[in-house]
Amino acid sequence: PRRAGLSTFSLECGYHEAQRRPINGMTIADRKENSAMLTEKLADFTTHDSFPWNNPLVQNTDASKAWMNGSTWVIDTAENPDAGVGGTRQFDHYSECAKYPQTEKKNDVKTMTAALPALNGDETIGIAESTPEGAQGWFYGTWEGAYWLDDFLKRWEEGFRPEEAWIRIFAGWWEFSDNARQTPVTDTERRFIDETLTEEER
């Protein structure tokens, strides 16, 4: 969902894991500007978190952020062809990954092929979130092959134990109250909308 806090929520999930136990985490954003913004959010979470984790930020030259309990977080950008390469991580956050570059040198499929193997162990989480960007690329292909949660849980109860699986979560922009009209569309407005839709809008 655009401008509805999905990147922030995903990063908060990772931040919580980093406070709960020592982990190595990473965020790969679509652009450098978004990487910088997400780095600042991690610092804000620590500063404004009222839960007594007793886990302050510490200096670490190898990470964008690090905490006293040993957790580290690296924030990179998909503009870096080597983003996500190497290491072992327990939490990855891929932000706006439908908008990752899709050129020969900087390529979303190559980025994800390099990043995903670093997620290692039973308690690992990857969150890939994005607003749509056409029916192509890694995000689109992964979405098409992912499970809806109900289907995944049903199969899990039947003994399905995949080594890895992606779960689809769709949140339409209209599901957020700040995007909704305060009054319903009138019949006259509805007719006008129907009469003026372009072929692409249909």
C-alpha atoms as a PDB file:
ATOM      1  CA  PRO A   1       0.000   0.000   0.000  1.00  0.00           C
ATOM      2  CA  ARG A   2       1.408   3.324  -1.075  1.00  0.00           C
ATOM      3  CA  ARG A   3       2.300   5.775   1.684  1.00  0.00           C
ATOM      4  CA  ALA A   4       0.537   3.642   4.292  1.00  0.00           C
ATOM      5  CA  GLY A   5       3.526   2.617   6.405  1.00  0.00           C
ATOM      6  CA  LEU A   6       4.319  -0.807   4.944  1.00  0.00           C
ATOM      7  CA  SER A   7       8.086  -0.219   4.762  1.00  0.00           C
ATOM      8  CA  THR A   8       8.021   1.098   8.323  1.00  0.00           C
ATOM      9  CA  PHE A   9       5.965  -1.853   9.567  1.00  0.00           C
ATOM     10  CA  SER A  10       8.293  -4.360   7.884  1.00  0.00           C
ATOM     11  CA  LEU A  11      11.339  -2.688   9.407  1.00  0.00           C
ATOM     12  CA  GLU A  12       9.622  -2.649  12.812  1.00  0.00           C
ATOM     13  CA  CYS A  13       9.203  -6.434  12.580  1.00  0.00           C
ATOM     14  CA  GLY A  14      12.933  -6.761  12.008  1.00  0.00           C
ATOM     15  CA  TYR A  15      13.741  -4.282  14.780  1.00  0.00           C
ATOM     16  CA  HIS A  16      11.643  -6.322  17.227  1.00  0.00           C
ATOM     17  CA  GLU A  17      13.499  -9.512  16.289  1.00  0.00           C
ATOM     18  CA  ALA A  18      16.822  -7.694  16.763  1.00  0.00           C
ATOM     19  CA  GLN A  19      15.787  -6.649  20.269  1.00  0.00           C
ATOM     20  CA  ARG A  20      14.403 -10.060  21.213  1.00  0.00           C
ATOM     21  CA  ARG A  21      17.532 -12.045  20.271  1.00  0.00           C
ATOM     22  CA  PRO A  22      20.917 -11.459  18.628  1.00  0.00           C
ATOM     23  CA  ILE A  23      20.397 -11.497  14.859  1.00  0.00           C
ATOM     24  CA  ASN A  24      21.966 -10.147  11.716  1.00  0.00           C
ATOM     25  CA  GLY A  25      19.448  -8.273   9.604  1.00  0.00           C
ATOM     26  CA  MET A  26      19.435  -6.415   6.337  1.00  0.00           C
ATOM     27  CA  THR A  27      17.226  -4.065   4.398  1.00  0.00           C
ATOM     28  CA  ILE A  28      17.680  -3.570   0.675  1.00  0.00           C
ATOM     29  CA  ALA A  29      15.763  -0.522  -0.513  1.00  0.00           C
ATOM     30  CA  ASP A  30      15.064   0.412  -4.105  1.00  0.00           C
ATOM     31  CA  ARG A  31      16.962   3.736  -3.991  1.00  0.00           C
ATOM     32  CA  LYS A  32      19.717   5.358  -1.920  1.00  0.00           C
ATOM     33  CA  GLU A  33      17.311   8.009  -0.610  1.00  0.00           C
ATOM     34  CA  ASN A  34      15.022   5.330   0.809  1.00  0.00           C
ATOM     35  CA  SER A  35      17.992   3.467   2.317  1.00  0.00           C
ATOM     36  CA  ALA A  36      18.996   6.602   4.226  1.00  0.00           C
ATOM     37  CA  MET A  37      15.431   7.136   5.459  1.00  0.00           C
ATOM     38  CA  LEU A  38      15.147   3.534   6.698  1.00  0.00           C
ATOM     39  CA  THR A  39      18.513   3.785   8.489  1.00  0.00           C
ATOM     40  CA  GLU A  40      17.185   6.779  10.417  1.00  0.00           C
ATOM     41  CA  LYS A  41      13.981   4.895  11.265  1.00  0.00           C
ATOM     42  CA  LEU A  42      16.010   2.168  13.004  1.00  0.00           C
ATOM     43  CA  ALA A  43      17.635   4.796  15.199  1.00  0.00           C
ATOM     44  CA  ASP A  44      14.223   6.365  15.890  1.00  0.00           C
ATOM     45  CA  PHE A  45      12.770   3.016  16.953  1.00  0.00           C
ATOM     46  CA  THR A  46      15.536   2.592  19.531  1.00  0.00           C
ATOM     47  CA  THR A  47      15.215   6.168  20.785  1.00  0.00           C
ATOM     48  CA  HIS A  48      11.421   6.106  21.175  1.00  0.00           C
ATOM     49  CA  ASP A  49      10.870   2.484  22.245  1.00  0.00           C
ATOM     50  CA  SER A  50       9.488   2.496  25.793  1.00  0.00           C
ATOM     51  CA  PHE A  51       9.943  -1.255  26.338  1.00  0.00           C
ATOM     52  CA  PRO A  52      12.896  -1.858  28.700  1.00  0.00           C
ATOM     53  CA  TRP A  53      15.071  -3.917  26.344  1.00  0.00           C
ATOM     54  CA  ASN A  54      18.228  -2.425  27.904  1.00  0.00           C
ATOM     55  CA  ASN A  55      19.758  -2.758  24.460  1.00  0.00           C
ATOM     56  CA  PRO A  56      21.191   0.581  23.301  1.00  0.00           C
ATOM     57  CA  LEU A  57      22.788   1.270  19.956  1.00  0.00           C
ATOM     58  CA  VAL A  58      26.564   0.791  19.830  1.00  0.00           C
ATOM     59  CA  GLN A  59      29.275   1.646  17.305  1.00  0.00           C
ATOM     60  CA  ASN A  60      29.958  -0.951  14.632  1.00  0.00           C
ATOM     61  CA  THR A  61      31.920  -0.161  11.484  1.00  0.00           C
ATOM     62  CA  ASP A  62      30.543  -3.200   9.625  1.00  0.00           C
ATOM     63  CA  ALA A  63      26.851  -2.387  10.068  1.00  0.00           C
ATOM     64  CA  SER A  64      24.463   0.504   9.519  1.00  0.00           C
ATOM     65  CA  LYS A  65      23.146  -0.066  13.062  1.00  0.00           C
ATOM     66  CA  ALA A  66      24.182  -2.365  15.912  1.00  0.00           C
ATOM     67  CA  TRP A  67      22.923  -2.986  19.439  1.00  0.00           C
ATOM     68  CA  MET A  68      24.547  -4.077  22.667  1.00  0.00           C
ATOM     69  CA  ASN A  69      22.998  -7.576  22.516  1.00  0.00           C
ATOM     70  CA  GLY A  70      25.011  -8.339  19.366  1.00  0.00           C
ATOM     71  CA  SER A  71      22.294  -7.672  16.780  1.00  0.00           C
ATOM     72  CA  THR A  72      23.422  -5.876  13.641  1.00  0.00           C
ATOM     73  CA  TRP A  73      21.544  -4.353  10.735  1.00  0.00           C
ATOM     74  CA  VAL A  74      22.891  -3.417   7.321  1.00  0.00           C
ATOM     75  CA  ILE A  75      20.926  -1.178   4.988  1.00  0.00           C
ATOM     76  CA  ASP A  76      21.848  -1.204   1.320  1.00  0.00           C
ATOM     77  CA  THR A  77      20.270  -0.319  -1.991  1.00  0.00           C
ATOM     78  CA  ALA A  78      19.400  -2.360  -5.056  1.00  0.00           C
ATOM     79  CA  GLU A  79      21.405   0.233  -6.998  1.00  0.00           C
ATOM     80  CA  ASN A  80      24.440  -1.642  -5.616  1.00  0.00           C
ATOM     81  CA  PRO A  81      24.917  -4.749  -7.810  1.00  0.00           C
ATOM     82  CA  ASP A  82      26.461  -6.566  -4.802  1.00  0.00           C
ATOM     83  CA  ALA A  83      23.683  -5.769  -2.313  1.00  0.00           C
ATOM     84  CA  GLY A  84      22.988  -8.680   0.014  1.00  0.00           C
ATOM     85  CA  VAL A  85      25.972 -10.776  -1.065  1.00  0.00           C
ATOM     86  CA  GLY A  86      27.618 -12.914   1.629  1.00  0.00           C
ATOM     87  CA  GLY A  87      27.146 -13.335   5.353  1.00  0.00           C
ATOM     88  CA  THR A  88      24.482 -15.170   7.292  1.00  0.00           C
ATOM     89  CA  ARG A  89      21.311 -13.380   8.310  1.00  0.00           C
ATOM     90  CA  GLN A  90      18.143 -14.178  10.205  1.00  0.00           C
ATOM     91  CA  PHE A  91      15.963 -11.325   8.910  1.00  0.00           C
ATOM     92  CA  ASP A  92      15.841  -9.657   5.485  1.00  0.00           C
ATOM     93  CA  HIS A  93      13.612  -6.795   4.433  1.00  0.00           C
ATOM     94  CA  TYR A  94      13.353  -6.034   0.716  1.00  0.00           C
ATOM     95  CA  SER A  95      11.740  -2.609   0.392  1.00  0.00           C
ATOM     96  CA  GLU A  96       9.907  -1.528  -2.773  1.00  0.00           C
ATOM     97  CA  CYS A  97      11.432  -4.529  -4.516  1.00  0.00           C
ATOM     98  CA  ALA A  98       9.119  -4.331  -7.551  1.00  0.00           C
ATOM     99  CA  LYS A  99      10.979  -1.088  -8.268  1.00  0.00           C
ATOM    100  CA  TYR A 100      14.474  -2.633  -8.089  1.00  0.00           C
ATOM    101  CA  PRO A 101      16.500  -1.953 -11.256  1.00  0.00           C
ATOM    102  CA  GLN A 102      15.948  -4.361 -14.129  1.00  0.00           C
ATOM    103  CA  THR A 103      18.946  -3.630 -16.295  1.00  0.00           C
ATOM    104  CA  GLU A 104      21.762  -5.960 -17.359  1.00  0.00           C
ATOM    105  CA  LYS A 105      24.187  -4.714 -14.686  1.00  0.00           C
ATOM    106  CA  LYS A 106      21.728  -3.900 -11.882  1.00  0.00           C
ATOM    107  CA  ASN A 107      19.112  -6.586 -11.964  1.00  0.00           C
ATOM    108  CA  ASP A 108      16.391  -7.473  -9.453  1.00  0.00           C
ATOM    109  CA  VAL A 109      16.662 -11.211 -10.117  1.00  0.00           C
ATOM    110  CA  LYS A 110      20.456 -11.152  -9.622  1.00  0.00           C
ATOM    111  CA  THR A 111      20.070  -9.075  -6.444  1.00  0.00           C
ATOM    112  CA  MET A 112      17.576 -11.497  -4.923  1.00  0.00           C
ATOM    113  CA  THR A 113      19.510 -14.563  -6.093  1.00  0.00           C
ATOM    114  CA  ALA A 114      22.522 -13.215  -4.202  1.00  0.00           C
ATOM    115  CA  ALA A 115      20.627 -12.042  -1.098  1.00  0.00           C
ATOM    116  CA  LEU A 116      18.267 -14.923  -0.327  1.00  0.00           C
ATOM    117  CA  PRO A 117      20.857 -17.670   0.352  1.00  0.00           C
ATOM    118  CA  ALA A 118      22.186 -15.601   3.276  1.00  0.00           C
ATOM    119  CA  LEU A 119      18.934 -16.290   5.160  1.00  0.00           C
ATOM    120  CA  ASN A 120      20.025 -19.342   7.088  1.00  0.00           C
ATOM    121  CA  GLY A 121      18.437 -21.450   9.801  1.00  0.00           C
ATOM    122  CA  ASP A 122      14.978 -22.296  11.069  1.00  0.00           C
ATOM    123  CA  GLU A 123      14.028 -18.949  12.559  1.00  0.00           C
ATOM    124  CA  THR A 124      14.553 -16.769   9.516  1.00  0.00           C
ATOM    125  CA  ILE A 125      12.178 -14.244   8.003  1.00  0.00           C
ATOM    126  CA  GLY A 126      12.146 -12.415   4.708  1.00  0.00           C
ATOM    127  CA  ILE A 127       9.670  -9.648   3.989  1.00  0.00           C
ATOM    128  CA  ALA A 128       9.462  -8.431   0.392  1.00  0.00           C
ATOM    129  CA  GLU A 129       7.116  -5.467   0.119  1.00  0.00           C
ATOM    130  CA  SER A 130       6.278  -3.120  -2.697  1.00  0.00           C
ATOM    131  CA  THR A 131       3.736  -1.091  -4.520  1.00  0.00           C
ATOM    132  CA  PRO A 132       3.125  -2.586  -7.979  1.00  0.00           C
ATOM    133  CA  GLU A 133       5.389  -1.854 -10.942  1.00  0.00           C
ATOM    134  CA  GLY A 134       4.074  -3.902 -13.837  1.00  0.00           C
ATOM    135  CA  ALA A 135       3.736  -7.619 -14.524  1.00  0.00           C
ATOM    136  CA  GLN A 136       7.423  -8.475 -14.717  1.00  0.00           C
ATOM    137  CA  GLY A 137      10.478  -8.945 -12.535  1.00  0.00           C
ATOM    138  CA  TRP A 138      11.359 -10.893  -9.404  1.00  0.00           C
ATOM    139  CA  PHE A 139       8.591  -9.490  -7.206  1.00  0.00           C
ATOM    140  CA  TYR A 140       5.849 -10.225  -9.716  1.00  0.00           C
ATOM    141  CA  GLY A 141       7.104 -13.760 -10.340  1.00  0.00           C
ATOM    142  CA  THR A 142       7.478 -14.471  -6.621  1.00  0.00           C
ATOM    143  CA  TRP A 143       3.983 -13.117  -5.897  1.00  0.00           C
ATOM    144  CA  GLU A 144       2.517 -15.367  -8.576  1.00  0.00           C
ATOM    145  CA  GLY A 145       4.146 -18.430  -6.969  1.00  0.00           C
ATOM    146  CA  ALA A 146       3.379 -17.531  -3.350  1.00  0.00           C
ATOM    147  CA  TYR A 147       0.693 -19.021  -1.086  1.00  0.00           C
ATOM    148  CA  TRP A 148      -2.305 -17.241   0.328  1.00  0.00           C
ATOM    149  CA  LEU A 149      -2.106 -17.626   4.104  1.00  0.00           C
ATOM    150  CA  ASP A 150      -5.253 -19.785   4.406  1.00  0.00           C
ATOM    151  CA  ASP A 151      -3.954 -22.195   1.756  1.00  0.00           C
ATOM    152  CA  PHE A 152      -0.529 -22.372   3.389  1.00  0.00           C
ATOM    153  CA  LEU A 153      -2.023 -23.077   6.850  1.00  0.00           C
ATOM    154  CA  LYS A 154      -4.321 -25.750   5.423  1.00  0.00           C
ATOM    155  CA  ARG A 155      -1.399 -27.481   3.748  1.00  0.00           C
ATOM    156  CA  TRP A 156       0.697 -27.088   6.931  1.00  0.00           C
ATOM    157  CA  GLU A 157      -1.985 -28.938   8.899  1.00  0.00           C
ATOM    158  CA  GLU A 158      -1.762 -31.703   6.281  1.00  0.00           C
ATOM    159  CA  GLY A 159       1.978 -32.085   6.977  1.00  0.00           C
ATOM    160  CA  PHE A 160       3.377 -29.732   4.312  1.00  0.00           C
ATOM    161  CA  ARG A 161       6.816 -28.583   5.563  1.00  0.00           C
ATOM    162  CA  PRO A 162       8.600 -26.598   2.856  1.00  0.00           C
ATOM    163  CA  GLU A 163      12.186 -25.528   3.374  1.00  0.00           C
ATOM    164  CA  GLU A 164      11.048 -22.064   2.351  1.00  0.00           C
ATOM    165  CA  ALA A 165       7.782 -20.459   1.309  1.00  0.00           C
ATOM    166  CA  TRP A 166       6.441 -17.008   0.484  1.00  0.00           C
ATOM    167  CA  ILE A 167       3.062 -15.955   1.872  1.00  0.00           C
ATOM    168  CA  ARG A 168       1.043 -13.365  -0.080  1.00  0.00           C
ATOM    169  CA  ILE A 169      -0.459 -10.441   1.791  1.00  0.00           C
ATOM    170  CA  PHE A 170      -2.429  -7.938  -0.264  1.00  0.00           C
ATOM    171  CA  ALA A 171      -3.454  -4.588   1.165  1.00  0.00           C
ATOM    172  CA  GLY A 172      -5.429  -2.378  -1.217  1.00  0.00           C
ATOM    173  CA  TRP A 173      -5.065   1.370  -0.908  1.00  0.00           C
ATOM    174  CA  TRP A 174      -8.847   1.645  -0.449  1.00  0.00           C
ATOM    175  CA  GLU A 175      -8.638  -0.440   2.743  1.00  0.00           C
ATOM    176  CA  PHE A 176      -7.009   2.476   4.595  1.00  0.00           C
ATOM    177  CA  SER A 177      -9.425   5.009   6.059  1.00  0.00           C
ATOM    178  CA  ASP A 178      -7.273   8.020   5.165  1.00  0.00           C
ATOM    179  CA  ASN A 179      -7.677   7.075   1.476  1.00  0.00           C
ATOM    180  CA  ALA A 180     -11.468   6.740   1.649  1.00  0.00           C
ATOM    181  CA  ARG A 181     -14.113   9.368   1.019  1.00  0.00           C
ATOM    182  CA  GLN A 182     -16.124  10.430   4.025  1.00  0.00           C
ATOM    183  CA  THR A 183     -19.380  10.223   2.037  1.00  0.00           C
ATOM    184  CA  PRO A 184     -20.450   7.440  -0.359  1.00  0.00           C
ATOM    185  CA  VAL A 185     -20.374   7.978  -4.122  1.00  0.00           C
ATOM    186  CA  THR A 186     -23.745   9.215  -5.382  1.00  0.00           C
ATOM    187  CA  ASP A 187     -25.606   7.559  -8.260  1.00  0.00           C
ATOM    188  CA  THR A 188     -24.830  10.596 -10.460  1.00  0.00           C
ATOM    189  CA  GLU A 189     -21.112  10.360  -9.640  1.00  0.00           C
ATOM    190  CA  ARG A 190     -21.160   6.609 -10.293  1.00  0.00           C
ATOM    191  CA  ARG A 191     -22.720   7.140 -13.741  1.00  0.00           C
ATOM    192  CA  PHE A 192     -20.130   9.821 -14.561  1.00  0.00           C
ATOM    193  CA  ILE A 193     -17.302   7.522 -13.490  1.00  0.00           C
ATOM    194  CA  ASP A 194     -18.667   4.649 -15.596  1.00  0.00           C
ATOM    195  CA  GLU A 195     -19.100   6.888 -18.661  1.00  0.00           C
ATOM    196  CA  THR A 196     -15.609   8.404 -18.472  1.00  0.00           C
ATOM    197  CA  LEU A 197     -13.458   5.337 -17.733  1.00  0.00           C
ATOM    198  CA  THR A 198     -10.656   4.821 -20.213  1.00  0.00           C
ATOM    199  CA  GLU A 199      -9.943   1.356 -21.585  1.00  0.00           C
ATOM    200  CA  GLU A 200      -6.889   1.094 -19.281  1.00  0.00           C
ATOM    201  CA  GLU A 201      -8.991   2.064 -16.252  1.00  0.00           C
ATOM    202  CA  ARG A 202     -11.570  -0.594 -17.150  1.00  0.00           C
END
